[in-house]
Amino acid sequence: MKIIKHIPFFFIILVLPAVCFAQDNNISGQQLFQKIHLPELPDKLDFAGEKVPLEYFDVRESLQREILIMSYWHASMMYTMQLASRYLQVIEPILKENGIPDDFKYLCITESNLQNLVSPAKAAGFWQIMSATAKQYGIEISTEVDERYHLEKATVAACKYLKDAYKKFGNWTLVAASYNVGMGHIESQISCQKTSSYYDMALNEETARYVYRSLGYKIIFRDVSKYGFYLNDENMFPPLKYKEVKVKTSIANLAEFAQKHGTNYKMIKYFNPWLRSNKLTINSEAPKEYTIKIPEKGFRQNAY
């Protein structure tokens, strides 16, 4: 009992059962514990066509940190990869149509892991847009509608912000940093630190890691098996299939609306997360048309 008393609790819970299993099954220590490898860095890398200075020791170490964390954060990364197969095909053409480099899709992943999250600062949706920014770029927010959760509209709004930032900075890497901390802050740091290079700036930890996280996703997603992730097409989430219904008059009850269209309330909410209530009120004095996605018949049962 004196010996056991001084053994750390985590050792008893995690290590002792494994050791016992190994003894019972004639497994050596070398076989029992997984070999941990340091993920490789690429020889060269760019963000949105702009060179990443991997020759700088601090840049290499910052990037190594993010790739290391991502490579061994197995469950989260694999789930993000599954979501990516569904949602990046929505995001990519919108970025292209708006003249935004494709690498900004990794910025969206960095923001939310392609999930409709709400941050402590109340930023929302895949693109983590603040309410003031949303209204500035034409996104509706009310008690019944929040278009920050409308992937297509939120992506267009994000593109507008990114284009405005590029007009100001003329540098996509700084544009990416500004998406995290705001254009005003980046402007002040350029003035204070006398540099317009993200890689030469001393920034708060979150912003200092922000672009490296996006680069980490880019590196891993380009060759997932190299970093230990093995998923085939059957493991990936299929794209959502739906028809669109134009709505010009109020909907008093979305559950009844769903039934009329051969689906249910849960699926209406899943396909249209921007609907934040159980109804949709349209002001007759300032009418607005909404488009609601209705799951394609049989999709829920036969998606795979």
Protein backbone atom coordinates (compact mmCIF):
# COMPACT_ATOMS: atom_id res chain seq x y z
CA MET A 1 0.00 0.00 0.00
CA LYS A 2 2.89 2.38 0.67
CA ILE A 3 4.22 1.78 -2.84
CA ILE A 4 0.84 2.29 -4.53
CA LYS A 5 0.28 5.48 -2.55
CA HIS A 6 3.20 7.16 -4.30
CA ILE A 7 2.35 6.04 -7.84
CA PRO A 8 0.73 8.89 -9.85
CA PHE A 9 -2.96 8.35 -10.42
CA PHE A 10 -2.66 8.73 -14.22
CA PHE A 11 -0.08 5.89 -14.21
CA ILE A 12 -2.51 3.55 -12.46
CA ILE A 13 -5.38 4.46 -14.80
CA LEU A 14 -3.52 4.58 -18.12
CA VAL A 15 -0.27 2.65 -17.90
CA LEU A 16 -0.81 -0.30 -15.54
CA PRO A 17 -3.71 -1.81 -17.55
CA ALA A 18 -1.58 -1.62 -20.70
CA VAL A 19 1.38 -3.25 -18.96
CA CYS A 20 -0.83 -6.05 -17.65
CA PHE A 21 -2.29 -6.56 -21.12
CA ALA A 22 1.21 -6.74 -22.59
CA GLN A 23 2.32 -9.33 -20.01
CA ASP A 24 -0.76 -11.48 -20.57
CA ASN A 25 -0.29 -11.40 -24.34
CA ASN A 26 3.50 -11.67 -24.55
CA ILE A 27 3.89 -8.17 -26.08
CA SER A 28 7.23 -6.40 -25.72
CA GLY A 29 7.55 -2.80 -24.54
CA GLN A 30 8.66 -1.75 -28.02
CA GLN A 31 5.47 -3.20 -29.52
CA LEU A 32 3.21 -1.81 -26.81
CA PHE A 33 3.89 1.89 -27.23
CA GLN A 34 3.25 3.70 -30.48
CA LYS A 35 6.25 5.29 -32.15
CA ILE A 36 5.77 9.06 -32.24
CA HIS A 37 7.25 10.78 -35.27
CA LEU A 38 7.83 14.48 -35.79
CA PRO A 39 5.82 15.53 -38.88
CA GLU A 40 7.90 16.77 -41.78
CA LEU A 41 7.83 20.31 -43.10
CA PRO A 42 7.71 20.93 -46.85
CA ASP A 43 10.81 22.25 -48.61
CA LYS A 44 8.89 25.31 -49.80
CA LEU A 45 5.50 26.78 -49.08
CA ASP A 46 3.31 29.71 -49.97
CA PHE A 47 0.13 31.30 -48.72
CA ALA A 48 -2.09 32.62 -51.52
CA GLY A 49 0.94 32.73 -53.79
CA GLU A 50 3.08 34.62 -51.26
CA LYS A 51 6.29 32.88 -50.15
CA VAL A 52 6.51 31.60 -46.60
CA PRO A 53 10.10 32.26 -45.40
CA LEU A 54 10.87 28.77 -44.11
CA GLU A 55 14.55 29.74 -43.92
CA TYR A 56 13.73 31.72 -40.76
CA PHE A 57 14.12 29.53 -37.67
CA ASP A 58 11.14 31.15 -35.92
CA VAL A 59 8.87 30.61 -38.93
CA ARG A 60 9.87 26.94 -39.17
CA GLU A 61 9.32 26.39 -35.45
CA SER A 62 5.94 28.16 -35.47
CA LEU A 63 4.77 26.06 -38.40
CA GLN A 64 6.17 22.88 -36.86
CA ARG A 65 4.20 23.55 -33.70
CA GLU A 66 0.89 23.77 -35.54
CA ILE A 67 1.49 20.73 -37.74
CA LEU A 68 2.57 18.70 -34.71
CA ILE A 69 -0.60 19.58 -32.80
CA MET A 70 -2.83 18.94 -35.82
CA SER A 71 -1.20 15.64 -36.72
CA TYR A 72 -1.81 14.16 -33.28
CA TRP A 73 -5.21 15.72 -32.69
CA HIS A 74 -6.67 12.72 -34.47
CA ALA A 75 -10.40 12.80 -33.77
CA SER A 76 -10.83 16.51 -34.46
CA MET A 77 -8.76 16.42 -37.66
CA MET A 78 -10.54 13.40 -39.09
CA TYR A 79 -13.95 14.90 -38.40
CA THR A 80 -12.84 18.15 -40.03
CA MET A 81 -11.71 16.19 -43.09
CA GLN A 82 -15.12 14.54 -43.30
CA LEU A 83 -16.84 17.91 -43.11
CA ALA A 84 -14.45 19.34 -45.69
CA SER A 85 -15.62 16.84 -48.29
CA ARG A 86 -19.13 18.29 -47.90
CA TYR A 87 -18.55 21.99 -47.46
CA LEU A 88 -15.36 22.99 -49.29
CA GLN A 89 -17.09 22.35 -52.60
CA VAL A 90 -19.54 25.07 -51.58
CA ILE A 91 -16.85 27.51 -50.42
CA GLU A 92 -14.28 27.08 -53.19
CA PRO A 93 -16.34 28.34 -56.15
CA ILE A 94 -17.51 31.39 -54.18
CA LEU A 95 -13.92 32.32 -53.36
CA LYS A 96 -12.96 31.91 -57.01
CA GLU A 97 -15.93 33.92 -58.27
CA ASN A 98 -14.98 36.77 -55.95
CA GLY A 99 -11.29 36.76 -56.83
CA ILE A 100 -10.13 35.45 -53.45
CA PRO A 101 -7.22 32.96 -53.42
CA ASP A 102 -8.22 29.35 -52.79
CA ASP A 103 -6.00 29.15 -49.70
CA PHE A 104 -8.57 31.19 -47.78
CA LYS A 105 -10.70 28.07 -47.48
CA TYR A 106 -8.12 26.95 -44.90
CA LEU A 107 -8.75 30.21 -43.06
CA CYS A 108 -12.39 29.17 -42.74
CA ILE A 109 -11.30 25.83 -41.31
CA THR A 110 -9.03 27.62 -38.85
CA GLU A 111 -11.95 29.80 -37.78
CA SER A 112 -14.50 27.09 -37.08
CA ASN A 113 -13.41 23.62 -38.23
CA LEU A 114 -16.34 23.98 -40.65
CA GLN A 115 -18.91 24.06 -37.86
CA ASN A 116 -21.52 26.64 -36.90
CA LEU A 117 -19.85 27.75 -33.71
CA VAL A 118 -20.27 30.83 -31.54
CA SER A 119 -17.09 32.31 -30.08
CA PRO A 120 -16.78 33.90 -26.62
CA ALA A 121 -16.80 37.25 -28.46
CA LYS A 122 -20.13 36.23 -30.13
CA ALA A 123 -18.68 35.74 -33.61
CA ALA A 124 -20.80 33.12 -35.37
CA GLY A 125 -20.94 30.64 -38.21
CA PHE A 126 -18.30 28.94 -40.33
CA TRP A 127 -16.57 32.27 -40.95
CA GLN A 128 -16.96 33.50 -37.34
CA ILE A 129 -18.42 36.87 -38.31
CA MET A 130 -19.15 39.50 -35.67
CA SER A 131 -22.60 41.11 -35.77
CA ALA A 132 -21.27 44.58 -36.64
CA THR A 133 -19.19 43.20 -39.50
CA ALA A 134 -22.14 41.13 -40.70
CA LYS A 135 -24.38 44.17 -40.99
CA GLN A 136 -21.59 46.11 -42.71
CA TYR A 137 -21.44 43.47 -45.42
CA GLY A 138 -25.16 42.91 -45.92
CA ILE A 139 -25.80 39.97 -43.60
CA GLU A 140 -29.21 39.96 -41.91
CA ILE A 141 -29.40 39.29 -38.18
CA SER A 142 -32.69 39.18 -36.29
CA THR A 143 -34.47 37.01 -33.75
CA GLU A 144 -35.68 34.74 -36.59
CA VAL A 145 -32.87 34.98 -39.13
CA ASP A 146 -29.09 35.01 -38.76
CA GLU A 147 -27.39 34.77 -42.12
CA ARG A 148 -23.98 34.30 -40.54
CA TYR A 149 -25.14 30.66 -40.46
CA HIS A 150 -26.00 30.75 -44.18
CA LEU A 151 -22.83 29.31 -45.67
CA GLU A 152 -23.14 30.83 -49.12
CA LYS A 153 -24.09 34.32 -47.91
CA ALA A 154 -21.50 34.27 -45.12
CA THR A 155 -18.79 33.25 -47.58
CA VAL A 156 -19.73 36.13 -49.89
CA ALA A 157 -19.59 38.52 -46.92
CA ALA A 158 -16.17 37.16 -45.92
CA CYS A 159 -14.98 37.70 -49.50
CA LYS A 160 -16.09 41.34 -49.35
CA TYR A 161 -14.10 41.84 -46.16
CA LEU A 162 -11.04 40.12 -47.61
CA LYS A 163 -11.15 42.26 -50.76
CA ASP A 164 -11.43 45.44 -48.69
CA ALA A 165 -8.47 44.33 -46.58
CA TYR A 166 -6.41 43.57 -49.68
CA LYS A 167 -7.09 47.07 -51.02
CA LYS A 168 -5.67 48.38 -47.74
CA PHE A 169 -2.65 46.08 -47.34
CA GLY A 170 -1.87 44.71 -50.80
CA ASN A 171 -0.71 41.51 -49.12
CA TRP A 172 -2.82 38.37 -48.68
CA THR A 173 -0.94 37.16 -45.61
CA LEU A 174 -1.67 40.40 -43.76
CA VAL A 175 -5.25 40.17 -45.01
CA ALA A 176 -5.50 36.78 -43.34
CA ALA A 177 -4.05 38.14 -40.08
CA SER A 178 -6.47 41.06 -40.18
CA TYR A 179 -9.38 38.64 -40.44
CA ASN A 180 -8.42 37.44 -36.99
CA VAL A 181 -7.60 40.71 -35.25
CA GLY A 182 -9.11 43.45 -37.42
CA MET A 183 -7.74 45.82 -40.06
CA GLY A 184 -7.26 48.64 -37.57
CA HIS A 185 -4.99 46.57 -35.33
CA ILE A 186 -2.84 45.42 -38.24
CA GLU A 187 -2.56 49.02 -39.44
CA SER A 188 -1.41 50.13 -35.99
CA GLN A 189 1.17 47.32 -35.81
CA ILE A 190 2.56 48.22 -39.24
CA SER A 191 3.03 51.77 -38.00
CA CYS A 192 4.40 50.75 -34.61
CA GLN A 193 6.75 47.97 -35.73
CA LYS A 194 7.84 49.57 -39.03
CA THR A 195 7.19 46.42 -41.06
CA SER A 196 4.48 45.17 -43.38
CA SER A 197 5.47 41.50 -43.16
CA TYR A 198 3.35 39.18 -41.03
CA TYR A 199 6.40 36.99 -40.45
CA ASP A 200 8.36 39.94 -38.98
CA MET A 201 5.61 41.14 -36.64
CA ALA A 202 5.35 40.51 -32.91
CA LEU A 203 1.63 39.89 -32.41
CA ASN A 204 -0.64 38.51 -29.69
CA GLU A 205 -0.41 34.72 -29.47
CA GLU A 206 -3.69 33.99 -31.23
CA THR A 207 -2.90 36.16 -34.25
CA ALA A 208 0.75 35.08 -34.24
CA ARG A 209 -0.40 31.46 -34.63
CA TYR A 210 -3.37 32.18 -36.91
CA VAL A 211 -1.75 32.06 -40.36
CA TYR A 212 0.44 29.12 -39.33
CA ARG A 213 -2.67 27.16 -38.40
CA SER A 214 -4.14 27.82 -41.83
CA LEU A 215 -0.85 26.76 -43.41
CA GLY A 216 -0.91 23.62 -41.29
CA TYR A 217 -4.30 22.66 -42.68
CA LYS A 218 -3.05 23.35 -46.20
CA ILE A 219 -0.02 21.11 -45.75
CA ILE A 220 -1.92 18.21 -44.18
CA PHE A 221 -4.92 18.36 -46.51
CA ARG A 222 -2.65 18.16 -49.57
CA ASP A 223 -1.34 14.75 -48.46
CA VAL A 224 -3.38 13.39 -45.56
CA SER A 225 -1.84 9.90 -45.52
CA LYS A 226 1.66 11.37 -45.15
CA TYR A 227 0.52 12.76 -41.81
CA GLY A 228 -1.13 9.55 -40.65
CA PHE A 229 -4.74 10.04 -41.72
CA TYR A 230 -6.37 7.30 -43.76
CA LEU A 231 -9.86 7.99 -45.06
CA ASN A 232 -11.42 6.71 -48.26
CA ASP A 233 -14.37 8.11 -50.19
CA GLU A 234 -16.81 5.99 -48.20
CA ASN A 235 -15.66 7.67 -44.98
CA MET A 236 -16.35 11.17 -46.29
CA PHE A 237 -19.60 13.06 -45.72
CA PRO A 238 -21.53 13.36 -48.99
CA PRO A 239 -22.64 16.75 -50.33
CA LEU A 240 -26.13 17.78 -49.26
CA LYS A 241 -28.70 17.33 -52.00
CA TYR A 242 -31.73 19.56 -51.95
CA LYS A 243 -34.24 21.59 -53.89
CA GLU A 244 -34.84 25.27 -53.25
CA VAL A 245 -38.18 26.84 -52.37
CA LYS A 246 -38.65 30.59 -52.71
CA VAL A 247 -40.58 32.11 -49.83
CA LYS A 248 -42.24 35.54 -50.13
CA THR A 249 -44.85 35.28 -47.38
CA SER A 250 -44.54 34.58 -43.66
CA ILE A 251 -44.31 31.03 -42.34
CA ALA A 252 -46.19 30.73 -39.06
CA ASN A 253 -44.86 27.27 -38.21
CA LEU A 254 -41.75 25.76 -39.77
CA ALA A 255 -42.68 22.24 -38.64
CA GLU A 256 -45.92 22.45 -40.63
CA PHE A 257 -44.01 23.99 -43.54
CA ALA A 258 -41.58 21.05 -43.42
CA GLN A 259 -44.40 18.49 -43.47
CA LYS A 260 -45.98 20.14 -46.50
CA HIS A 261 -42.68 19.71 -48.31
CA GLY A 262 -42.18 16.07 -47.38
CA THR A 263 -39.61 16.50 -44.64
CA ASN A 264 -39.45 17.41 -40.95
CA TYR A 265 -38.44 20.30 -38.71
CA LYS A 266 -35.05 18.77 -37.86
CA MET A 267 -34.06 18.52 -41.52
CA ILE A 268 -35.26 22.06 -42.28
CA LYS A 269 -33.02 23.31 -39.49
CA TYR A 270 -30.10 21.13 -40.60
CA PHE A 271 -30.22 22.35 -44.19
CA ASN A 272 -31.02 25.94 -43.18
CA PRO A 273 -29.19 26.73 -39.93
CA TRP A 274 -29.73 30.44 -40.57
CA LEU A 275 -33.38 29.97 -39.55
CA ARG A 276 -33.11 30.71 -35.83
CA SER A 277 -36.75 30.38 -34.78
CA ASN A 278 -39.73 28.10 -35.45
CA LYS A 279 -41.24 30.69 -37.77
CA LEU A 280 -40.25 33.15 -40.48
CA THR A 281 -41.92 36.54 -40.53
CA ILE A 282 -41.80 38.66 -43.66
CA ASN A 283 -42.55 42.34 -43.26
CA SER A 284 -45.25 43.30 -45.77
CA GLU A 285 -44.04 46.91 -45.80
CA ALA A 286 -40.50 45.85 -46.76
CA PRO A 287 -40.96 42.41 -48.30
CA LYS A 288 -37.94 40.16 -48.74
CA GLU A 289 -37.66 36.85 -50.54
CA TYR A 290 -35.92 33.95 -48.82
CA THR A 291 -34.71 30.69 -50.29
CA ILE A 292 -35.19 27.61 -48.14
CA LYS A 293 -33.40 24.34 -48.90
CA ILE A 294 -35.58 21.23 -48.85
CA PRO A 295 -33.76 17.87 -48.66
CA GLU A 296 -33.98 15.93 -51.90
CA LYS A 297 -36.48 13.09 -51.63
CA GLY A 298 -34.80 10.00 -50.19
CA PHE A 299 -31.50 11.77 -49.46
CA ARG A 300 -31.65 11.19 -45.72
CA GLN A 301 -32.03 7.44 -46.21
CA ASN A 302 -29.75 7.01 -49.23
CA ALA A 303 -27.00 9.61 -48.81
CA TYR A 304 -24.31 6.89 -48.67
